[in-house]
All heavy atoms as atom14 arrays in JSON, in Angstrom:
{
  "sequence": "LNLNLTRRCNLKCRMCEQHRHQPRSSTTTLSWYDPARELPLA",
  "atom14_mask": [
    [1, 1, 1, 1, 1, 1, 1, 1, 0, 0, 0, 0, 0, 0],
    [1, 1, 1, 1, 1, 1, 1, 1, 0, 0, 0, 0, 0, 0],
    [1, 1, 1, 1, 1, 1, 1, 1, 0, 0, 0, 0, 0, 0],
    [1, 1, 1, 1, 1, 1, 1, 1, 0, 0, 0, 0, 0, 0],
    [1, 1, 1, 1, 1, 1, 1, 1, 0, 0, 0, 0, 0, 0],
    [1, 1, 1, 1, 1, 1, 1, 0, 0, 0, 0, 0, 0, 0],
    [1, 1, 1, 1, 1, 1, 1, 1, 1, 1, 1, 0, 0, 0],
    [1, 1, 1, 1, 1, 1, 1, 1, 1, 1, 1, 0, 0, 0],
    [1, 1, 1, 1, 1, 1, 0, 0, 0, 0, 0, 0, 0, 0],
    [1, 1, 1, 1, 1, 1, 1, 1, 0, 0, 0, 0, 0, 0],
    [1, 1, 1, 1, 1, 1, 1, 1, 0, 0, 0, 0, 0, 0],
    [1, 1, 1, 1, 1, 1, 1, 1, 1, 0, 0, 0, 0, 0],
    [1, 1, 1, 1, 1, 1, 0, 0, 0, 0, 0, 0, 0, 0],
    [1, 1, 1, 1, 1, 1, 1, 1, 1, 1, 1, 0, 0, 0],
    [1, 1, 1, 1, 1, 1, 1, 1, 0, 0, 0, 0, 0, 0],
    [1, 1, 1, 1, 1, 1, 0, 0, 0, 0, 0, 0, 0, 0],
    [1, 1, 1, 1, 1, 1, 1, 1, 1, 0, 0, 0, 0, 0],
    [1, 1, 1, 1, 1, 1, 1, 1, 1, 0, 0, 0, 0, 0],
    [1, 1, 1, 1, 1, 1, 1, 1, 1, 1, 0, 0, 0, 0],
    [1, 1, 1, 1, 1, 1, 1, 1, 1, 1, 1, 0, 0, 0],
    [1, 1, 1, 1, 1, 1, 1, 1, 1, 1, 0, 0, 0, 0],
    [1, 1, 1, 1, 1, 1, 1, 1, 1, 0, 0, 0, 0, 0],
    [1, 1, 1, 1, 1, 1, 1, 0, 0, 0, 0, 0, 0, 0],
    [1, 1, 1, 1, 1, 1, 1, 1, 1, 1, 1, 0, 0, 0],
    [1, 1, 1, 1, 1, 1, 0, 0, 0, 0, 0, 0, 0, 0],
    [1, 1, 1, 1, 1, 1, 0, 0, 0, 0, 0, 0, 0, 0],
    [1, 1, 1, 1, 1, 1, 1, 0, 0, 0, 0, 0, 0, 0],
    [1, 1, 1, 1, 1, 1, 1, 0, 0, 0, 0, 0, 0, 0],
    [1, 1, 1, 1, 1, 1, 1, 0, 0, 0, 0, 0, 0, 0],
    [1, 1, 1, 1, 1, 1, 1, 1, 0, 0, 0, 0, 0, 0],
    [1, 1, 1, 1, 1, 1, 0, 0, 0, 0, 0, 0, 0, 0],
    [1, 1, 1, 1, 1, 1, 1, 1, 1, 1, 1, 1, 1, 1],
    [1, 1, 1, 1, 1, 1, 1, 1, 1, 1, 1, 1, 0, 0],
    [1, 1, 1, 1, 1, 1, 1, 1, 0, 0, 0, 0, 0, 0],
    [1, 1, 1, 1, 1, 1, 1, 0, 0, 0, 0, 0, 0, 0],
    [1, 1, 1, 1, 1, 0, 0, 0, 0, 0, 0, 0, 0, 0],
    [1, 1, 1, 1, 1, 1, 1, 1, 1, 1, 1, 0, 0, 0],
    [1, 1, 1, 1, 1, 1, 1, 1, 1, 0, 0, 0, 0, 0],
    [1, 1, 1, 1, 1, 1, 1, 1, 0, 0, 0, 0, 0, 0],
    [1, 1, 1, 1, 1, 1, 1, 0, 0, 0, 0, 0, 0, 0],
    [1, 1, 1, 1, 1, 1, 1, 1, 0, 0, 0, 0, 0, 0],
    [1, 1, 1, 1, 1, 0, 0, 0, 0, 0, 0, 0, 0, 0]
  ],
  "atom14_positions": [
    [[100.41, 103.72, 101.56], [100.88, 103.59, 100.2], [102.37, 103.28, 100.23], [103.15, 103.99, 100.89], [100.66, 104.87, 99.39], [99.23, 105.3, 99.08], [99.24, 106.57, 98.23], [98.46, 104.2, 98.37], [0.0, 0.0, 0.0], [0.0, 0.0, 0.0], [0.0, 0.0, 0.0], [0.0, 0.0, 0.0], [0.0, 0.0, 0.0], [0.0, 0.0, 0.0]],
    [[102.78, 102.23, 99.53], [104.19, 101.88, 99.43], [104.73, 102.45, 98.13], [104.43, 101.92, 97.04], [104.37, 100.36, 99.46], [103.84, 99.74, 100.73], [103.55, 100.43, 101.71], [103.7, 98.43, 100.74], [0.0, 0.0, 0.0], [0.0, 0.0, 0.0], [0.0, 0.0, 0.0], [0.0, 0.0, 0.0], [0.0, 0.0, 0.0], [0.0, 0.0, 0.0]],
    [[105.48, 103.52, 98.22], [106.03, 104.17, 97.02], [107.4, 103.57, 96.73], [108.39, 103.88, 97.39], [106.13, 105.68, 97.24], [104.86, 106.4, 97.72], [105.08, 107.91, 97.7], [103.64, 106.01, 96.91], [0.0, 0.0, 0.0], [0.0, 0.0, 0.0], [0.0, 0.0, 0.0], [0.0, 0.0, 0.0], [0.0, 0.0, 0.0], [0.0, 0.0, 0.0]],
    [[107.44, 102.68, 95.75], [108.7, 102.08, 95.33], [109.37, 103.03, 94.34], [109.1, 102.99, 93.14], [108.43, 100.72, 94.67], [107.92, 99.68, 95.64], [108.64, 98.8, 96.07], [106.64, 99.81, 95.99], [0.0, 0.0, 0.0], [0.0, 0.0, 0.0], [0.0, 0.0, 0.0], [0.0, 0.0, 0.0], [0.0, 0.0, 0.0], [0.0, 0.0, 0.0]],
    [[110.2, 103.9, 94.83], [110.72, 105.0, 94.04], [111.66, 104.55, 92.95], [111.76, 105.19, 91.9], [111.41, 106.02, 94.94], [110.54, 106.6, 96.06], [111.35, 107.6, 96.89], [109.28, 107.26, 95.51], [0.0, 0.0, 0.0], [0.0, 0.0, 0.0], [0.0, 0.0, 0.0], [0.0, 0.0, 0.0], [0.0, 0.0, 0.0], [0.0, 0.0, 0.0]],
    [[112.39, 103.47, 93.19], [113.35, 102.97, 92.21], [113.59, 101.49, 92.48], [113.4, 101.02, 93.61], [114.7, 103.73, 92.31], [115.61, 103.21, 91.34], [115.3, 103.62, 93.7], [0.0, 0.0, 0.0], [0.0, 0.0, 0.0], [0.0, 0.0, 0.0], [0.0, 0.0, 0.0], [0.0, 0.0, 0.0], [0.0, 0.0, 0.0], [0.0, 0.0, 0.0]],
    [[113.98, 100.76, 91.46], [114.44, 99.37, 91.65], [115.96, 99.3, 91.72], [116.52, 98.24, 91.92], [113.94, 98.49, 90.5], [112.45, 98.25, 90.51], [112.03, 97.37, 91.67], [110.68, 96.89, 91.52], [110.02, 96.17, 92.42], [110.6, 95.86, 93.54], [108.79, 95.76, 92.21], [0.0, 0.0, 0.0], [0.0, 0.0, 0.0], [0.0, 0.0, 0.0]],
    [[116.63, 100.43, 91.54], [118.08, 100.43, 91.62], [118.53, 100.25, 93.06], [117.87, 100.7, 93.99], [118.64, 101.73, 91.06], [118.48, 101.87, 89.55], [118.96, 103.21, 89.06], [118.06, 104.28, 89.47], [118.46, 105.5, 89.8], [119.76, 105.79, 89.81], [117.6, 106.43, 90.12], [0.0, 0.0, 0.0], [0.0, 0.0, 0.0], [0.0, 0.0, 0.0]],
    [[119.67, 99.59, 93.24], [120.21, 99.41, 94.58], [121.73, 99.3, 94.47], [122.26, 98.84, 93.46], [119.64, 98.15, 95.24], [120.05, 98.01, 97.0], [0.0, 0.0, 0.0], [0.0, 0.0, 0.0], [0.0, 0.0, 0.0], [0.0, 0.0, 0.0], [0.0, 0.0, 0.0], [0.0, 0.0, 0.0], [0.0, 0.0, 0.0], [0.0, 0.0, 0.0]],
    [[122.41, 99.72, 95.53], [123.87, 99.67, 95.56], [124.4, 98.46, 96.31], [125.59, 98.35, 96.53], [124.43, 100.96, 96.16], [123.87, 101.22, 97.56], [122.85, 100.69, 97.95], [124.55, 102.08, 98.31], [0.0, 0.0, 0.0], [0.0, 0.0, 0.0], [0.0, 0.0, 0.0], [0.0, 0.0, 0.0], [0.0, 0.0, 0.0], [0.0, 0.0, 0.0]],
    [[123.5, 97.54, 96.73], [123.92, 96.31, 97.4], [123.39, 95.1, 96.63], [122.56, 95.24, 95.73], [123.41, 96.28, 98.85], [123.89, 97.4, 99.77], [123.35, 97.2, 101.18], [125.41, 97.5, 99.8], [0.0, 0.0, 0.0], [0.0, 0.0, 0.0], [0.0, 0.0, 0.0], [0.0, 0.0, 0.0], [0.0, 0.0, 0.0], [0.0, 0.0, 0.0]],
    [[123.89, 93.92, 97.0], [123.49, 92.67, 96.34], [123.13, 91.64, 97.42], [123.84, 90.66, 97.63], [124.61, 92.15, 95.44], [124.99, 93.1, 94.32], [126.07, 92.53, 93.43], [126.42, 93.48, 92.3], [127.46, 92.93, 91.39], [0.0, 0.0, 0.0], [0.0, 0.0, 0.0], [0.0, 0.0, 0.0], [0.0, 0.0, 0.0], [0.0, 0.0, 0.0]],
    [[122.03, 91.88, 98.06], [121.66, 91.09, 99.23], [121.23, 89.68, 98.82], [120.46, 89.49, 97.89], [120.52, 91.78, 99.99], [120.91, 93.49, 100.42], [0.0, 0.0, 0.0], [0.0, 0.0, 0.0], [0.0, 0.0, 0.0], [0.0, 0.0, 0.0], [0.0, 0.0, 0.0], [0.0, 0.0, 0.0], [0.0, 0.0, 0.0], [0.0, 0.0, 0.0]],
    [[121.73, 88.7, 99.57], [121.52, 87.3, 99.21], [120.04, 86.92, 99.21], [119.6, 86.11, 98.39], [122.27, 86.4, 100.2], [123.77, 86.46, 100.05], [124.5, 85.78, 101.19], [124.1, 84.37, 101.34], [124.63, 83.56, 102.24], [125.56, 84.02, 103.06], [124.24, 82.32, 102.33], [0.0, 0.0, 0.0], [0.0, 0.0, 0.0], [0.0, 0.0, 0.0]],
    [[119.26, 87.48, 100.12], [117.87, 87.06, 100.27], [116.89, 87.95, 99.52], [115.68, 87.76, 99.61], [117.47, 87.0, 101.75], [117.46, 88.34, 102.45], [119.13, 89.02, 102.66], [118.83, 90.42, 103.7], [0.0, 0.0, 0.0], [0.0, 0.0, 0.0], [0.0, 0.0, 0.0], [0.0, 0.0, 0.0], [0.0, 0.0, 0.0], [0.0, 0.0, 0.0]],
    [[117.4, 88.92, 98.77], [116.51, 89.85, 98.08], [115.77, 89.16, 96.95], [116.38, 88.54, 96.07], [117.32, 91.02, 97.54], [116.3, 92.24, 96.68], [0.0, 0.0, 0.0], [0.0, 0.0, 0.0], [0.0, 0.0, 0.0], [0.0, 0.0, 0.0], [0.0, 0.0, 0.0], [0.0, 0.0, 0.0], [0.0, 0.0, 0.0], [0.0, 0.0, 0.0]],
    [[114.46, 89.29, 96.94], [113.63, 88.64, 95.92], [113.75, 89.32, 94.56], [113.48, 88.72, 93.53], [112.16, 88.65, 96.35], [111.87, 87.82, 97.58], [110.42, 87.86, 97.99], [109.66, 88.6, 97.34], [110.03, 87.17, 98.94], [0.0, 0.0, 0.0], [0.0, 0.0, 0.0], [0.0, 0.0, 0.0], [0.0, 0.0, 0.0], [0.0, 0.0, 0.0]],
    [[114.11, 90.59, 94.55], [114.05, 91.34, 93.3], [115.19, 91.0, 92.35], [115.03, 91.1, 91.14], [114.06, 92.84, 93.61], [112.86, 93.28, 94.45], [112.9, 94.76, 94.73], [112.55, 95.55, 93.89], [113.33, 95.11, 95.94], [0.0, 0.0, 0.0], [0.0, 0.0, 0.0], [0.0, 0.0, 0.0], [0.0, 0.0, 0.0], [0.0, 0.0, 0.0]],
    [[116.33, 90.64, 92.91], [117.5, 90.33, 92.07], [117.75, 91.42, 91.02], [117.92, 91.14, 89.84], [117.33, 88.96, 91.41], [117.54, 87.82, 92.37], [118.63, 86.99, 92.34], [116.79, 87.4, 93.41], [118.54, 86.11, 93.31], [117.44, 86.34, 93.99], [0.0, 0.0, 0.0], [0.0, 0.0, 0.0], [0.0, 0.0, 0.0], [0.0, 0.0, 0.0]],
    [[117.75, 92.63, 91.49], [117.95, 93.77, 90.57], [119.32, 93.73, 89.94], [119.55, 94.31, 88.89], [117.79, 95.07, 91.36], [116.4, 95.3, 91.9], [116.37, 96.56, 92.75], [117.15, 96.41, 93.95], [116.67, 95.93, 95.09], [115.42, 95.52, 95.14], [117.43, 95.83, 96.15], [0.0, 0.0, 0.0], [0.0, 0.0, 0.0], [0.0, 0.0, 0.0]],
    [[120.26, 93.05, 90.62], [121.65, 93.1, 90.19], [121.97, 92.07, 89.12], [123.09, 91.98, 88.66], [122.56, 92.86, 91.39], [122.26, 91.58, 92.11], [121.18, 91.47, 92.97], [122.86, 90.38, 92.1], [121.16, 90.24, 93.46], [122.17, 89.57, 92.95], [0.0, 0.0, 0.0], [0.0, 0.0, 0.0], [0.0, 0.0, 0.0], [0.0, 0.0, 0.0]],
    [[120.98, 91.27, 88.71], [121.23, 90.25, 87.7], [120.7, 90.71, 86.35], [119.52, 90.65, 86.08], [120.56, 88.92, 88.1], [121.17, 88.3, 89.35], [120.62, 86.93, 89.64], [119.83, 86.4, 88.87], [121.04, 86.34, 90.76], [0.0, 0.0, 0.0], [0.0, 0.0, 0.0], [0.0, 0.0, 0.0], [0.0, 0.0, 0.0], [0.0, 0.0, 0.0]],
    [[121.57, 91.19, 85.49], [121.1, 91.78, 84.23], [120.39, 90.8, 83.32], [119.63, 91.21, 82.45], [122.41, 92.3, 83.59], [123.5, 91.51, 84.23], [123.04, 91.23, 85.63], [0.0, 0.0, 0.0], [0.0, 0.0, 0.0], [0.0, 0.0, 0.0], [0.0, 0.0, 0.0], [0.0, 0.0, 0.0], [0.0, 0.0, 0.0], [0.0, 0.0, 0.0]],
    [[120.62, 89.5, 83.5], [119.97, 88.53, 82.62], [118.66, 88.01, 83.18], [118.02, 87.14, 82.59], [120.91, 87.36, 82.35], [122.16, 87.76, 81.58], [123.01, 86.56, 81.21], [124.19, 86.96, 80.47], [125.1, 86.11, 80.0], [124.95, 84.81, 80.23], [126.14, 86.55, 79.34], [0.0, 0.0, 0.0], [0.0, 0.0, 0.0], [0.0, 0.0, 0.0]],
    [[118.27, 88.51, 84.34], [117.02, 88.06, 84.94], [115.85, 88.41, 84.03], [115.82, 89.45, 83.38], [116.81, 88.73, 86.29], [115.51, 88.5, 86.76], [0.0, 0.0, 0.0], [0.0, 0.0, 0.0], [0.0, 0.0, 0.0], [0.0, 0.0, 0.0], [0.0, 0.0, 0.0], [0.0, 0.0, 0.0], [0.0, 0.0, 0.0], [0.0, 0.0, 0.0]],
    [[114.86, 87.52, 84.0], [113.67, 87.78, 83.16], [112.95, 89.04, 83.59], [112.2, 89.63, 82.83], [112.72, 86.58, 83.24], [112.27, 86.4, 84.57], [0.0, 0.0, 0.0], [0.0, 0.0, 0.0], [0.0, 0.0, 0.0], [0.0, 0.0, 0.0], [0.0, 0.0, 0.0], [0.0, 0.0, 0.0], [0.0, 0.0, 0.0], [0.0, 0.0, 0.0]],
    [[113.15, 89.46, 84.85], [112.45, 90.64, 85.34], [112.92, 91.92, 84.68], [112.23, 92.93, 84.76], [112.64, 90.77, 86.86], [114.03, 90.83, 87.14], [112.03, 89.6, 87.59], [0.0, 0.0, 0.0], [0.0, 0.0, 0.0], [0.0, 0.0, 0.0], [0.0, 0.0, 0.0], [0.0, 0.0, 0.0], [0.0, 0.0, 0.0], [0.0, 0.0, 0.0]],
    [[114.08, 91.91, 84.04], [114.58, 93.13, 83.43], [113.71, 93.56, 82.25], [113.82, 94.68, 81.78], [116.03, 92.97, 82.96], [116.12, 91.85, 82.07], [116.94, 92.74, 84.14], [0.0, 0.0, 0.0], [0.0, 0.0, 0.0], [0.0, 0.0, 0.0], [0.0, 0.0, 0.0], [0.0, 0.0, 0.0], [0.0, 0.0, 0.0], [0.0, 0.0, 0.0]],
    [[112.85, 92.67, 81.74], [111.96, 93.05, 80.66], [110.73, 93.79, 81.17], [109.97, 94.33, 80.38], [111.5, 91.8, 79.88], [110.76, 90.95, 80.77], [112.68, 91.05, 79.32], [0.0, 0.0, 0.0], [0.0, 0.0, 0.0], [0.0, 0.0, 0.0], [0.0, 0.0, 0.0], [0.0, 0.0, 0.0], [0.0, 0.0, 0.0], [0.0, 0.0, 0.0]],
    [[110.52, 93.82, 82.47], [109.37, 94.5, 83.04], [109.65, 95.99, 83.16], [110.74, 96.4, 83.57], [109.02, 93.91, 84.41], [108.68, 92.42, 84.4], [108.54, 91.89, 85.81], [107.39, 92.18, 83.61], [0.0, 0.0, 0.0], [0.0, 0.0, 0.0], [0.0, 0.0, 0.0], [0.0, 0.0, 0.0], [0.0, 0.0, 0.0], [0.0, 0.0, 0.0]],
    [[108.66, 96.8, 82.85], [108.87, 98.24, 82.74], [109.34, 98.87, 84.04], [110.1, 99.83, 84.04], [107.58, 98.92, 82.28], [106.52, 98.7, 83.2], [0.0, 0.0, 0.0], [0.0, 0.0, 0.0], [0.0, 0.0, 0.0], [0.0, 0.0, 0.0], [0.0, 0.0, 0.0], [0.0, 0.0, 0.0], [0.0, 0.0, 0.0], [0.0, 0.0, 0.0]],
    [[108.9, 98.34, 85.18], [109.25, 98.97, 86.45], [110.68, 98.69, 86.88], [111.14, 99.22, 87.88], [108.27, 98.58, 87.54], [107.96, 97.12, 87.68], [108.68, 96.2, 88.37], [106.84, 96.43, 87.13], [108.08, 94.97, 88.29], [106.93, 95.07, 87.53], [105.75, 96.8, 86.34], [106.0, 94.1, 87.17], [104.82, 95.85, 85.98], [104.95, 94.51, 86.39]],
    [[111.4, 97.86, 86.16], [112.82, 97.64, 86.44], [113.71, 98.57, 85.62], [114.93, 98.55, 85.78], [113.21, 96.19, 86.15], [112.83, 95.24, 87.26], [111.56, 94.7, 87.32], [113.74, 94.89, 88.25], [111.2, 93.83, 88.33], [113.39, 94.03, 89.27], [112.12, 93.5, 89.3], [111.77, 92.64, 90.31], [0.0, 0.0, 0.0], [0.0, 0.0, 0.0]],
    [[113.16, 99.34, 84.72], [113.93, 100.19, 83.82], [114.17, 101.54, 84.47], [113.21, 102.31, 84.67], [113.16, 100.35, 82.5], [113.93, 101.15, 81.48], [115.03, 101.67, 81.79], [113.43, 101.27, 80.34], [0.0, 0.0, 0.0], [0.0, 0.0, 0.0], [0.0, 0.0, 0.0], [0.0, 0.0, 0.0], [0.0, 0.0, 0.0], [0.0, 0.0, 0.0]],
    [[115.41, 101.89, 84.83], [115.67, 103.18, 85.47], [115.2, 104.38, 84.64], [114.87, 105.43, 85.2], [117.18, 103.19, 85.66], [117.59, 101.76, 85.64], [116.63, 101.08, 84.69], [0.0, 0.0, 0.0], [0.0, 0.0, 0.0], [0.0, 0.0, 0.0], [0.0, 0.0, 0.0], [0.0, 0.0, 0.0], [0.0, 0.0, 0.0], [0.0, 0.0, 0.0]],
    [[115.16, 104.21, 83.32], [114.74, 105.31, 82.47], [113.26, 105.62, 82.62], [112.8, 106.68, 82.18], [115.06, 105.0, 81.01], [0.0, 0.0, 0.0], [0.0, 0.0, 0.0], [0.0, 0.0, 0.0], [0.0, 0.0, 0.0], [0.0, 0.0, 0.0], [0.0, 0.0, 0.0], [0.0, 0.0, 0.0], [0.0, 0.0, 0.0], [0.0, 0.0, 0.0]],
    [[112.5, 104.68, 83.2], [111.06, 104.88, 83.35], [110.64, 105.3, 84.75], [109.46, 105.3, 85.06], [110.32, 103.6, 82.95], [110.57, 103.16, 81.52], [109.58, 102.1, 81.09], [109.92, 101.54, 79.79], [109.15, 100.71, 79.11], [107.98, 100.33, 79.61], [109.52, 100.24, 77.94], [0.0, 0.0, 0.0], [0.0, 0.0, 0.0], [0.0, 0.0, 0.0]],
    [[111.6, 105.62, 85.61], [111.23, 106.1, 86.93], [110.41, 107.38, 86.82], [110.69, 108.25, 86.0], [112.48, 106.35, 87.76], [113.22, 105.09, 88.15], [114.52, 105.34, 88.87], [114.86, 106.51, 89.1], [115.22, 104.35, 89.17], [0.0, 0.0, 0.0], [0.0, 0.0, 0.0], [0.0, 0.0, 0.0], [0.0, 0.0, 0.0], [0.0, 0.0, 0.0]],
    [[109.4, 107.49, 87.66], [108.48, 108.62, 87.57], [109.18, 109.94, 87.87], [110.03, 110.01, 88.77], [107.33, 108.44, 88.57], [106.3, 107.36, 88.27], [105.26, 107.34, 89.37], [105.66, 107.54, 86.91], [0.0, 0.0, 0.0], [0.0, 0.0, 0.0], [0.0, 0.0, 0.0], [0.0, 0.0, 0.0], [0.0, 0.0, 0.0], [0.0, 0.0, 0.0]],
    [[108.82, 110.98, 87.17], [109.31, 112.31, 87.54], [108.62, 112.78, 88.81], [107.6, 112.24, 89.23], [108.91, 113.17, 86.33], [107.7, 112.49, 85.77], [107.92, 111.02, 85.99], [0.0, 0.0, 0.0], [0.0, 0.0, 0.0], [0.0, 0.0, 0.0], [0.0, 0.0, 0.0], [0.0, 0.0, 0.0], [0.0, 0.0, 0.0], [0.0, 0.0, 0.0]],
    [[109.17, 113.78, 89.43], [108.61, 114.32, 90.67], [107.16, 114.73, 90.48], [106.32, 114.5, 91.38], [109.45, 115.51, 91.14], [108.95, 116.22, 92.39], [108.99, 115.3, 93.59], [109.78, 117.49, 92.63], [0.0, 0.0, 0.0], [0.0, 0.0, 0.0], [0.0, 0.0, 0.0], [0.0, 0.0, 0.0], [0.0, 0.0, 0.0], [0.0, 0.0, 0.0]],
    [[106.83, 115.31, 89.34], [105.47, 115.82, 89.11], [104.42, 114.71, 89.22], [103.31, 114.95, 89.71], [105.38, 116.5, 87.75], [0.0, 0.0, 0.0], [0.0, 0.0, 0.0], [0.0, 0.0, 0.0], [0.0, 0.0, 0.0], [0.0, 0.0, 0.0], [0.0, 0.0, 0.0], [0.0, 0.0, 0.0], [0.0, 0.0, 0.0], [0.0, 0.0, 0.0]]
  ]
}
């Protein structure tokens, strides 16, 4: 099981497919990119 715990990252890697660091990316509308929706421990 690949547990993607967060989409947040402190780097901006050139080859990264996720482009988490681009606030205008269309992916920011997807729920799993929203830090407020990260799962609780439970």
